Amino acid sequence: MMKYALYDYIPQRRLRKAPFETRDISRRILLFKNGNKTATNWAVGIFRTALSHMDLHDTIIVCVPASCQRTYVRRFRKFSKALCKKCGAIDGFPFVSVKGKRDKAHIAKGDTSSRLSNVIIDKDVFMGRKVVIIDDICTTCTTANLFISMMEAAGAEVRMALFLGKTRNYWHQQS
């Protein structure tokens, strides 16, 4: 299974050392994470282009759940619906939910034991189906790997994990 990030993402505290293009992309990714409509449309276009070579007519696109249902809905509901419509894929958003709230991955740091323990997957929908997993940012890939394992345990065949950005740090580079 392939995992691929479309851009470099620089955390806000490191942005001043990054090249202009990387800063622009990182800001767009942050706007997308906040549910900004323009950034959501931008992300749909980026993912659509990246997925354009794949036959997705019988594939479910599902986004890695956020720390709570409210954030998950704000970030991914419209995005997932629009992307699936443009790609001809099945929208997996309605079949994954988040119950309660957990610590955000970057706050919980190394504690992965409960990272996705509050995620509910409708196993009947994913059993025996091809799935493409999408997330906004991949830092260590821990959350994505846990979600991939959950989807496989639900009987899905995960074909690919695709991220808008992969976290890069520029503290070792000279300005």
Protein backbone atom coordinates (compact mmCIF):
# COMPACT_ATOMS: atom_id res chain seq x y z
CA MET A 1 0.00 0.00 0.00
CA MET A 2 1.31 3.39 -0.98
CA LYS A 3 1.45 6.43 1.31
CA TYR A 4 2.10 9.73 -0.35
CA ALA A 5 2.19 13.39 0.70
CA LEU A 6 1.54 16.00 -1.97
CA TYR A 7 3.44 18.87 -0.31
CA ASP A 8 5.83 19.72 2.48
CA TYR A 9 4.12 21.19 5.54
CA ILE A 10 5.99 23.39 7.98
CA PRO A 11 4.67 23.92 11.54
CA GLN A 12 3.85 27.56 12.26
CA ARG A 13 6.74 27.98 14.67
CA ARG A 14 9.18 27.09 11.85
CA LEU A 15 7.54 28.88 8.91
CA ARG A 16 9.89 31.87 8.84
CA LYS A 17 12.78 29.63 7.73
CA ALA A 18 10.85 27.95 4.92
CA PRO A 19 10.82 28.99 1.26
CA PHE A 20 7.91 31.20 0.17
CA GLU A 21 6.10 28.45 -1.75
CA THR A 22 6.25 26.11 1.24
CA ARG A 23 4.93 28.86 3.53
CA ASP A 24 2.04 29.48 1.14
CA ILE A 25 1.13 25.78 1.00
CA SER A 26 1.45 25.42 4.79
CA ARG A 27 -0.94 28.34 5.32
CA ARG A 28 -3.44 26.84 2.86
CA ILE A 29 -3.28 23.53 4.70
CA LEU A 30 -3.97 25.30 8.01
CA LEU A 31 -6.93 27.10 6.45
CA PHE A 32 -8.21 23.75 5.17
CA LYS A 33 -7.87 22.26 8.67
CA ASN A 34 -10.04 25.11 9.94
CA GLY A 35 -12.76 24.41 7.39
CA ASN A 36 -12.14 27.47 5.18
CA LYS A 37 -14.30 27.17 2.05
CA THR A 38 -11.68 28.49 -0.38
CA ALA A 39 -9.00 26.21 1.07
CA THR A 40 -11.42 23.26 0.93
CA ASN A 41 -12.05 23.91 -2.77
CA TRP A 42 -8.29 24.18 -3.32
CA ALA A 43 -7.73 20.84 -1.54
CA VAL A 44 -10.47 19.15 -3.59
CA GLY A 45 -8.71 20.26 -6.77
CA ILE A 46 -5.31 19.10 -5.54
CA PHE A 47 -6.55 15.66 -4.49
CA ARG A 48 -8.66 15.28 -7.63
CA THR A 49 -5.57 15.88 -9.77
CA ALA A 50 -3.52 13.45 -7.68
CA LEU A 51 -6.19 10.76 -7.96
CA SER A 52 -7.06 11.37 -11.62
CA HIS A 53 -5.01 8.39 -12.84
CA MET A 54 -6.93 5.91 -10.67
CA ASP A 55 -10.21 4.19 -11.44
CA LEU A 56 -12.25 5.03 -8.35
CA HIS A 57 -15.75 4.03 -9.48
CA ASP A 58 -15.99 1.25 -6.88
CA THR A 59 -13.69 2.80 -4.27
CA ILE A 60 -14.60 4.48 -1.00
CA ILE A 61 -12.70 7.63 -0.06
CA VAL A 62 -12.56 8.08 3.69
CA CYS A 63 -10.81 10.77 5.72
CA VAL A 64 -8.84 10.09 8.89
CA PRO A 65 -11.05 11.26 11.77
CA ALA A 66 -10.15 14.36 13.74
CA SER A 67 -10.08 14.55 17.54
CA CYS A 68 -13.84 15.15 17.85
CA GLN A 69 -16.92 14.89 15.64
CA ARG A 70 -17.34 18.66 15.39
CA THR A 71 -13.81 19.11 14.02
CA TYR A 72 -14.19 16.08 11.76
CA VAL A 73 -17.38 17.51 10.26
CA ARG A 74 -15.93 21.02 9.86
CA ARG A 75 -12.80 19.75 8.16
CA PHE A 76 -13.97 16.88 6.01
CA ARG A 77 -17.74 16.67 5.36
CA LYS A 78 -17.97 19.12 2.44
CA PHE A 79 -14.49 18.23 1.24
CA SER A 80 -15.23 14.49 1.10
CA LYS A 81 -18.56 14.97 -0.65
CA ALA A 82 -17.07 17.32 -3.28
CA LEU A 83 -13.98 15.17 -3.90
CA CYS A 84 -15.98 11.97 -4.31
CA LYS A 85 -18.37 13.68 -6.70
CA LYS A 86 -15.48 14.89 -8.88
CA CYS A 87 -13.60 11.57 -8.74
CA GLY A 88 -16.56 9.26 -9.14
CA ALA A 89 -15.77 7.58 -5.81
CA ILE A 90 -18.04 6.63 -2.93
CA ASP A 91 -18.10 9.08 -0.02
CA GLY A 92 -17.07 7.25 3.15
CA PHE A 93 -17.55 10.25 5.44
CA PRO A 94 -21.08 9.32 6.62
CA PHE A 95 -19.87 5.87 7.73
CA VAL A 96 -17.15 7.00 10.15
CA SER A 97 -17.81 9.05 13.27
CA VAL A 98 -16.08 10.24 16.39
CA LYS A 99 -17.71 9.74 19.78
CA GLY A 100 -16.65 12.13 22.51
CA LYS A 101 -13.35 13.96 22.40
CA ARG A 102 -9.71 12.92 22.63
CA ASP A 103 -6.43 14.78 22.84
CA LYS A 104 -5.17 16.04 19.52
CA ALA A 105 -2.30 13.96 18.14
CA HIS A 106 0.29 16.72 18.48
CA ILE A 107 -0.71 17.29 22.11
CA ALA A 108 -0.82 13.61 23.12
CA LYS A 109 2.63 13.16 21.51
CA GLY A 110 3.90 9.62 22.11
CA ASP A 111 0.72 8.22 23.67
CA THR A 112 -0.87 6.27 20.83
CA SER A 113 -2.93 3.90 22.98
CA SER A 114 -6.12 5.95 22.84
CA ARG A 115 -5.51 8.01 19.71
CA LEU A 116 -8.44 6.56 17.73
CA SER A 117 -10.26 4.69 20.49
CA ASN A 118 -13.30 6.98 20.06
CA VAL A 119 -13.71 6.33 16.32
CA ILE A 120 -16.74 4.34 15.15
CA ILE A 121 -16.62 2.62 11.74
CA ASP A 122 -19.66 1.10 10.03
CA LYS A 123 -18.03 -2.26 9.24
CA ASP A 124 -20.89 -3.38 6.97
CA VAL A 125 -20.08 -0.58 4.53
CA PHE A 126 -16.33 -1.23 4.31
CA MET A 127 -16.30 -5.06 4.32
CA GLY A 128 -14.57 -6.24 1.13
CA ARG A 129 -14.40 -2.73 -0.37
CA LYS A 130 -11.44 -0.83 -1.83
CA VAL A 131 -10.58 2.25 0.20
CA VAL A 132 -8.42 5.34 -0.28
CA ILE A 133 -7.58 7.12 2.96
CA ILE A 134 -7.04 10.88 3.01
CA ASP A 135 -5.70 13.17 5.71
CA ASP A 136 -4.46 16.72 5.89
CA ILE A 137 -1.04 16.37 7.56
CA CYS A 138 1.24 13.41 8.15
CA THR A 139 3.95 13.92 10.74
CA THR A 140 4.94 10.45 11.95
CA CYS A 141 2.11 8.58 10.18
CA THR A 142 1.08 7.03 13.51
CA THR A 143 -2.56 8.16 13.36
CA ALA A 144 -2.87 7.19 9.70
CA ASN A 145 -1.35 3.77 10.40
CA LEU A 146 -3.78 3.21 13.27
CA PHE A 147 -6.71 4.22 11.06
CA ILE A 148 -5.47 1.97 8.25
CA SER A 149 -5.35 -0.93 10.73
CA MET A 150 -8.89 -0.12 11.87
CA MET A 151 -10.14 -0.04 8.28
CA GLU A 152 -8.44 -3.35 7.51
CA ALA A 153 -9.94 -4.85 10.68
CA ALA A 154 -13.33 -3.70 9.32
CA GLY A 155 -12.61 -5.75 6.19
CA ALA A 156 -11.53 -2.93 3.85
CA GLU A 157 -8.76 -3.25 1.28
CA VAL A 158 -6.78 -0.03 1.79
CA ARG A 159 -5.21 0.85 -1.56
CA MET A 160 -3.53 4.14 -0.67
CA ALA A 161 -3.11 6.82 1.98
CA LEU A 162 -2.80 10.33 0.58
CA PHE A 163 -1.89 13.46 2.57
CA LEU A 164 -1.92 17.14 1.70
CA GLY A 165 1.32 17.68 3.57
CA LYS A 166 4.19 15.89 5.25
CA THR A 167 5.66 17.76 8.21
CA ARG A 168 9.17 19.01 7.58
CA ASN A 169 11.32 20.94 10.01
CA TYR A 170 13.75 23.57 8.87
CA TRP A 171 15.64 24.23 12.10
CA HIS A 172 18.84 22.60 10.80
CA GLN A 173 18.93 24.63 7.58
CA GLN A 174 20.46 28.04 7.19
CA SER A 175 18.24 30.95 6.20
